[in-house]
Protein backbone atom coordinates (compact mmCIF):
# COMPACT_ATOMS: atom_id res chain seq x y z
CA MET A 1 38.85 90.01 101.54
CA HIS A 2 40.22 86.74 102.90
CA PHE A 3 37.22 84.79 101.35
CA VAL A 4 37.96 86.66 97.75
CA VAL A 5 41.81 85.64 98.14
CA TYR A 6 40.73 81.85 99.03
CA ILE A 7 38.61 81.70 96.13
CA TRP A 8 41.12 83.07 93.80
CA LEU A 9 43.54 80.61 95.21
CA LYS A 10 41.43 77.79 94.58
CA CYS A 11 40.49 78.47 91.23
CA ARG A 12 43.85 78.42 90.36
CA VAL A 13 44.81 75.57 92.35
CA LEU A 14 41.90 73.56 90.71
CA LEU A 15 43.18 74.50 87.03
CA LEU A 16 46.68 73.09 88.13
CA ARG A 17 45.03 69.96 89.25
CA GLY A 18 43.29 69.37 86.09
CA ALA A 19 46.46 69.98 83.95
CA SER A 20 48.66 67.82 86.26
CA TYR A 21 45.70 64.76 85.99
CA ILE A 22 46.10 65.22 82.22
CA LEU A 23 49.87 65.40 82.17
CA SER A 24 49.68 62.20 84.37
CA ILE A 25 47.50 60.19 82.21
CA LEU A 26 49.17 61.27 79.04
CA ILE A 27 52.70 61.02 79.93
CA ILE A 28 53.74 59.86 83.26
CA ARG A 29 51.86 56.92 83.52
CA PRO A 30 51.90 54.90 80.14
CA GLY A 31 54.97 52.37 79.92
CA ASN A 32 55.36 52.25 83.80
CA VAL A 33 53.86 49.56 86.08
CA GLY A 34 51.17 50.71 88.40
CA PRO A 35 50.55 49.92 92.01
CA THR A 36 49.80 46.42 92.85
CA HIS A 37 47.19 47.66 95.38
CA ARG A 38 45.22 50.54 96.23
CA GLN A 39 43.23 51.61 99.38
CA ALA A 40 42.80 54.66 101.61
CA ILE A 41 44.49 54.31 105.10
CA PRO A 42 42.36 54.60 108.17
CA GLY A 43 42.93 57.78 110.05
CA SER A 44 44.87 59.34 107.31
CA ALA A 45 43.73 61.07 104.01
CA PRO A 46 40.61 59.84 102.22
CA GLU A 47 42.42 59.23 99.21
CA LYS A 48 43.68 56.01 98.33
CA ALA A 49 47.50 55.32 98.94
CA ALA A 50 49.35 53.04 96.36
CA PHE A 51 50.90 50.04 97.38
CA PHE A 52 53.83 48.43 95.45
CA PHE A 53 54.93 44.93 96.62
CA PRO A 54 58.22 42.84 95.61
CA PRO A 55 57.96 39.63 94.00
CA SER A 56 58.80 38.05 97.12
CA TYR A 57 55.81 39.44 99.00
CA SER A 58 53.09 37.40 99.94
CA LYS A 59 50.19 38.62 102.32
CA ASP A 60 49.44 35.24 103.74
CA SER A 61 53.18 33.93 104.09
CA GLY A 62 53.75 35.71 107.57
CA HIS A 63 57.09 36.75 106.42
CA ARG A 64 57.78 40.60 107.48
CA HIS A 65 59.36 42.85 104.91
CA PRO A 66 61.08 46.41 105.10
CA VAL A 67 58.93 49.24 104.07
CA TYR A 68 59.56 52.49 102.35
CA ILE A 69 56.88 54.98 103.08
CA HIS A 70 56.87 57.32 99.90
CA ILE A 71 55.56 60.89 99.87
CA HIS A 72 54.66 62.40 96.51
CA GLY A 73 55.39 65.90 95.62
CA GLY A 74 53.01 68.52 94.26
CA GLY A 75 53.70 71.78 96.18
CA PHE A 76 51.31 70.43 98.83
CA VAL A 77 48.42 71.44 96.32
CA CYS A 78 48.36 68.47 93.96
CA GLY A 79 49.54 65.05 92.88
CA PRO A 80 48.34 61.54 92.78
CA THR A 81 49.85 59.05 95.06
CA CYS A 82 50.80 56.56 91.94
CA ASP A 83 52.61 59.34 89.77
CA ASP A 84 56.19 58.29 91.10
CA ARG A 85 55.32 54.56 89.91
CA GLN A 86 58.39 54.13 88.09
CA PHE A 87 60.55 54.96 91.26
CA CYS A 88 58.27 53.09 93.68
CA HIS A 89 58.08 49.99 91.38
CA TYR A 90 61.82 50.02 91.04
CA VAL A 91 62.56 50.33 94.65
CA ALA A 92 60.27 47.57 95.62
CA LYS A 93 61.94 45.14 93.00
CA GLU A 94 65.18 46.15 93.68
CA ALA A 95 65.32 46.69 97.42
CA ASP A 96 62.87 43.85 97.73
CA CYS A 97 60.54 46.00 100.03
CA VAL A 98 57.32 47.21 100.32
CA VAL A 99 56.82 50.42 99.11
CA ILE A 100 53.46 52.42 100.32
CA SER A 101 52.93 55.97 98.53
CA VAL A 102 50.66 57.49 101.13
CA ALA A 103 48.19 60.24 100.59
CA TYR A 104 47.63 63.35 102.10
CA ARG A 105 44.89 66.31 101.99
CA PHE A 106 45.80 69.30 99.93
CA ALA A 107 46.17 73.10 100.43
CA PRO A 108 44.19 75.46 100.30
CA GLU A 109 41.58 73.65 101.61
CA TYR A 110 43.61 71.83 104.19
CA PRO A 111 46.71 73.90 104.75
CA TYR A 112 49.56 73.50 106.93
CA PRO A 113 49.70 71.40 109.25
CA THR A 114 46.83 68.67 107.93
CA ALA A 115 49.49 67.06 105.38
CA LEU A 116 51.84 66.42 108.22
CA GLN A 117 49.09 65.02 110.40
CA ASP A 118 48.04 63.07 107.57
CA CYS A 119 51.38 61.43 107.12
CA GLN A 120 51.87 60.91 110.81
CA ALA A 121 48.52 58.82 110.93
CA ALA A 122 49.47 56.51 107.77
CA VAL A 123 52.98 55.80 109.52
CA GLN A 124 50.79 54.73 112.76
CA TRP A 125 48.76 52.57 110.56
CA ILE A 126 51.64 51.29 108.60
CA LEU A 127 53.57 50.15 111.79
CA LYS A 128 50.50 48.36 113.25
CA GLU A 129 49.10 46.83 109.98
CA TYR A 130 52.62 45.60 108.44
CA GLN A 131 55.25 45.23 111.43
CA PRO A 132 58.08 46.09 108.92
CA THR A 133 61.54 44.71 109.82
CA HIS A 134 62.63 48.32 108.81
CA LEU A 135 61.11 51.49 108.01
CA VAL A 136 62.38 54.12 105.50
CA ILE A 137 60.67 57.14 104.50
CA GLY A 138 61.05 59.72 101.80
CA GLY A 139 59.57 61.85 98.97
CA TYR A 140 60.05 64.30 96.10
CA SER A 141 59.77 67.90 96.33
CA ALA A 142 57.13 68.71 98.88
CA GLY A 143 57.10 65.03 99.88
CA GLY A 144 60.52 65.55 100.72
CA THR A 145 59.61 68.30 102.94
CA LEU A 146 56.87 66.17 104.50
CA ALA A 147 59.44 63.37 104.87
CA LEU A 148 61.92 65.32 106.97
CA GLY A 149 59.01 66.86 108.89
CA THR A 150 57.32 63.21 109.78
CA VAL A 151 60.54 61.69 111.09
CA GLN A 152 60.77 64.37 114.00
CA LEU A 153 57.19 63.05 115.00
CA PHE A 154 58.89 59.39 115.78
CA GLN A 155 61.95 58.23 117.88
CA ASN A 156 63.67 55.42 117.12
CA THR A 157 61.38 54.30 114.18
CA PHE A 158 62.71 55.27 110.96
CA ASP A 159 66.21 53.66 109.72
CA MET A 160 66.61 56.18 106.90
CA VAL A 161 65.18 59.30 105.29
CA MET A 162 65.29 60.41 101.68
CA ALA A 163 64.53 63.98 100.43
CA THR A 164 64.82 64.89 96.61
CA TYR A 165 64.73 68.70 96.18
CA PRO A 166 62.52 69.43 99.04
CA ALA A 167 61.29 73.00 100.16
CA LEU A 168 63.41 73.64 103.15
CA ASP A 169 62.69 77.03 104.84
CA PHE A 170 59.34 78.88 104.66
CA SER A 171 60.91 81.80 106.64
CA ARG A 172 62.49 85.10 105.71
CA GLY A 173 65.89 83.29 106.56
CA SER A 174 65.66 81.25 103.16
CA LEU A 175 68.12 81.56 100.58
CA HIS A 176 65.52 81.08 97.84
CA GLU A 177 65.60 82.76 94.27
CA PHE A 178 61.92 83.68 94.03
CA LYS A 179 61.37 87.55 93.47
CA GLU A 180 58.74 87.99 96.28
CA GLN A 181 60.37 88.00 100.04
CA ASN A 182 57.24 87.57 101.77
CA PRO A 183 56.91 84.11 102.87
CA LEU A 184 53.42 84.05 103.06
CA ILE A 185 52.59 85.04 99.39
CA ARG A 186 56.10 84.13 97.88
CA ASN A 187 54.40 82.25 95.15
CA MET A 188 50.63 80.20 94.92
CA TYR A 189 52.06 77.28 96.90
CA HIS A 190 53.24 79.20 99.80
CA ARG A 191 50.12 81.30 99.89
CA ALA A 192 47.90 77.87 99.94
CA TYR A 193 49.95 75.98 102.19
CA LEU A 194 50.66 78.73 104.91
CA ARG A 195 47.07 80.03 104.71
CA ASN A 196 46.61 79.76 108.65
CA THR A 197 50.22 79.82 109.62
CA PRO A 198 51.29 83.13 111.77
CA ASP A 199 53.72 85.29 110.07
CA THR A 200 56.28 85.03 113.08
CA ASP A 201 59.81 83.73 113.14
CA GLU A 202 58.69 81.37 115.59
CA SER A 203 56.08 79.90 113.22
CA LEU A 204 57.94 79.97 110.15
CA ARG A 205 61.27 78.62 111.33
CA ASN A 206 59.50 75.55 113.27
CA PRO A 207 61.28 72.83 112.31
CA LEU A 208 58.30 70.77 111.51
CA LEU A 209 57.33 73.29 108.62
CA SER A 210 60.88 74.41 107.72
CA PRO A 211 63.12 71.12 107.68
CA ARG A 212 66.41 73.53 107.36
CA TYR A 213 66.17 74.02 111.13
CA ILE A 214 65.63 70.27 111.98
CA PRO A 215 67.58 68.97 114.90
CA GLU A 216 70.16 66.51 114.08
CA SER A 217 68.92 64.09 117.12
CA THR A 218 65.67 63.88 115.43
CA LEU A 219 67.27 62.14 112.44
CA PRO A 220 68.09 58.91 111.75
CA LYS A 221 71.50 57.54 111.22
CA SER A 222 70.85 57.30 107.30
CA ILE A 223 70.14 60.48 105.46
CA ALA A 224 70.10 60.88 101.67
CA ILE A 225 69.39 64.28 100.16
CA ILE A 226 69.22 65.05 96.28
CA ASN A 227 69.64 68.56 95.19
CA THR A 228 69.61 70.23 91.56
CA GLU A 229 71.12 73.28 90.07
CA ASN A 230 68.14 74.65 88.40
CA ASP A 231 65.90 74.75 91.67
CA PRO A 232 64.48 77.86 93.32
CA ASN A 233 65.50 76.24 96.92
CA HIS A 234 68.87 74.66 95.97
CA LYS A 235 70.99 77.18 98.33
CA ASP A 236 68.57 76.07 101.20
CA ILE A 237 69.18 72.60 100.51
CA THR A 238 72.95 73.00 100.21
CA MET A 239 73.08 74.55 103.55
CA LEU A 240 71.12 71.95 105.42
CA ALA A 241 73.05 69.15 103.62
CA THR A 242 76.41 70.70 104.44
CA ARG A 243 75.45 71.08 108.34
CA LEU A 244 74.45 67.35 108.34
CA LYS A 245 77.40 66.21 106.78
CA GLU A 246 79.70 68.09 109.13
CA LYS A 247 77.69 66.31 112.18
CA GLN A 248 76.99 63.16 110.46
CA PRO A 249 79.65 62.36 107.70
CA SER A 250 77.77 59.45 106.36
CA THR A 251 74.94 61.57 105.07
CA ILE A 252 74.29 61.20 101.26
CA TYR A 253 74.28 64.28 99.39
CA LYS A 254 74.06 64.27 95.41
CA TYR A 255 73.96 67.68 93.68
CA TYR A 256 73.24 67.41 89.83
CA ALA A 257 74.40 70.25 87.67
CA GLY A 258 71.98 71.37 85.06
CA ALA A 259 69.12 69.26 86.11
CA PHE A 260 65.86 71.16 87.30
CA HIS A 261 63.43 70.58 90.19
CA GLY A 262 61.09 67.52 89.13
CA PHE A 263 63.60 65.88 86.81
CA MET A 264 63.25 62.49 88.24
CA ASN A 265 59.70 62.53 87.61
CA VAL A 266 59.97 62.77 84.04
CA PRO A 267 59.83 59.95 81.46
CA ASP A 268 63.21 58.66 80.29
CA PHE A 269 62.28 59.51 76.54
CA PHE A 270 61.85 63.39 77.58
CA LEU A 271 65.22 63.80 79.16
CA PRO A 272 68.71 64.47 77.49
CA GLU A 273 70.99 61.57 77.91
CA LYS A 274 73.24 63.59 80.62
CA MET A 275 70.04 64.23 82.85
CA LYS A 276 68.60 60.72 82.19
CA GLN A 277 72.11 59.38 83.58
CA GLN A 278 71.81 61.74 86.58
CA LYS A 279 68.17 60.60 87.38
CA TRP A 280 69.04 57.00 87.41
CA ASP A 281 72.45 57.76 89.30
CA ALA A 282 70.27 59.03 91.97
CA ILE A 283 67.66 56.25 91.97
CA ASP A 284 70.49 53.91 92.30
CA THR A 285 72.14 55.72 94.95
CA ILE A 286 68.97 55.79 97.00
CA VAL A 287 68.34 51.83 96.34
CA VAL A 288 71.92 50.95 97.16
CA GLU A 289 71.60 53.02 100.58
CA MET A 290 68.27 50.89 101.19
CA LYS A 291 69.87 47.71 100.57
CA ARG A 292 72.71 48.54 102.85
CA VAL A 293 70.28 49.93 105.62
CA PHE A 294 68.16 46.82 105.29
CA SER A 295 71.17 44.70 105.82
CA GLU A 296 71.82 46.05 109.27
CA PRO A 297 69.80 45.91 112.49
CA SER A 298 66.87 48.24 112.66
CA VAL A 299 66.14 50.85 115.41
CA LEU A 300 62.43 49.33 115.34
CA LYS A 301 61.90 47.31 118.29
CA LYS A 302 61.11 43.88 117.54
């Protein structure tokens, strides 16, 4: 029975991956500057990461830069590393930092915690290879979930974490707006990602999986969270942001009325004027905070 469910799930995911790739080729990539360099990160996922370098970057100069590690979305089951190219290119240019959009292996072939382990390995390689002056991590959707999980695996390493409409709670305590209450079968993405996860509170509330329960002590001083009204997880995101702002008032929290999950990936010409303004307000808020963080001493040991 489990094998039949797996095959059925994989067929659905393969169709989604194909549709996602076509959408990327036809709509997302045209008109946006692609990565400067692509390569697989040793010890992490075999797919190639996308590297975006600022104009000031020169590999042979010996000059160290801040690094922003970006983790793409896709419900833990799909998504190319270069689909957030508009955002990554803009951040590299405006914040004068190296941006690396890392790859991770997908469910259902590689369920939790494989993606998190791939992100952990990528961070370790980046620290060694680039020796950044500052280090920031963030992501869209599932990437935001993984970013909040990854920061917990490193102490005194990250200067900032950014999570844009992340999935935060895979337990029955979630305030999500899905009809199905069983977290293991809540939707196709949950079925795939949680395929090997026990149906227990202890497992599903693990903050590495469900960052809504993240201890504040594991987070960097700078936190930015983006939320939208039309997101099935928006109440969980609000709950986490409220808790963090109470403990750490400098936490940046943006809630965009009328916007939907994934709107920051959408090309400007597809968005109504108000949502386009919201998109760029979110992006510029993140960039301004990065620049502030880069201007102050890093938690990284020199």
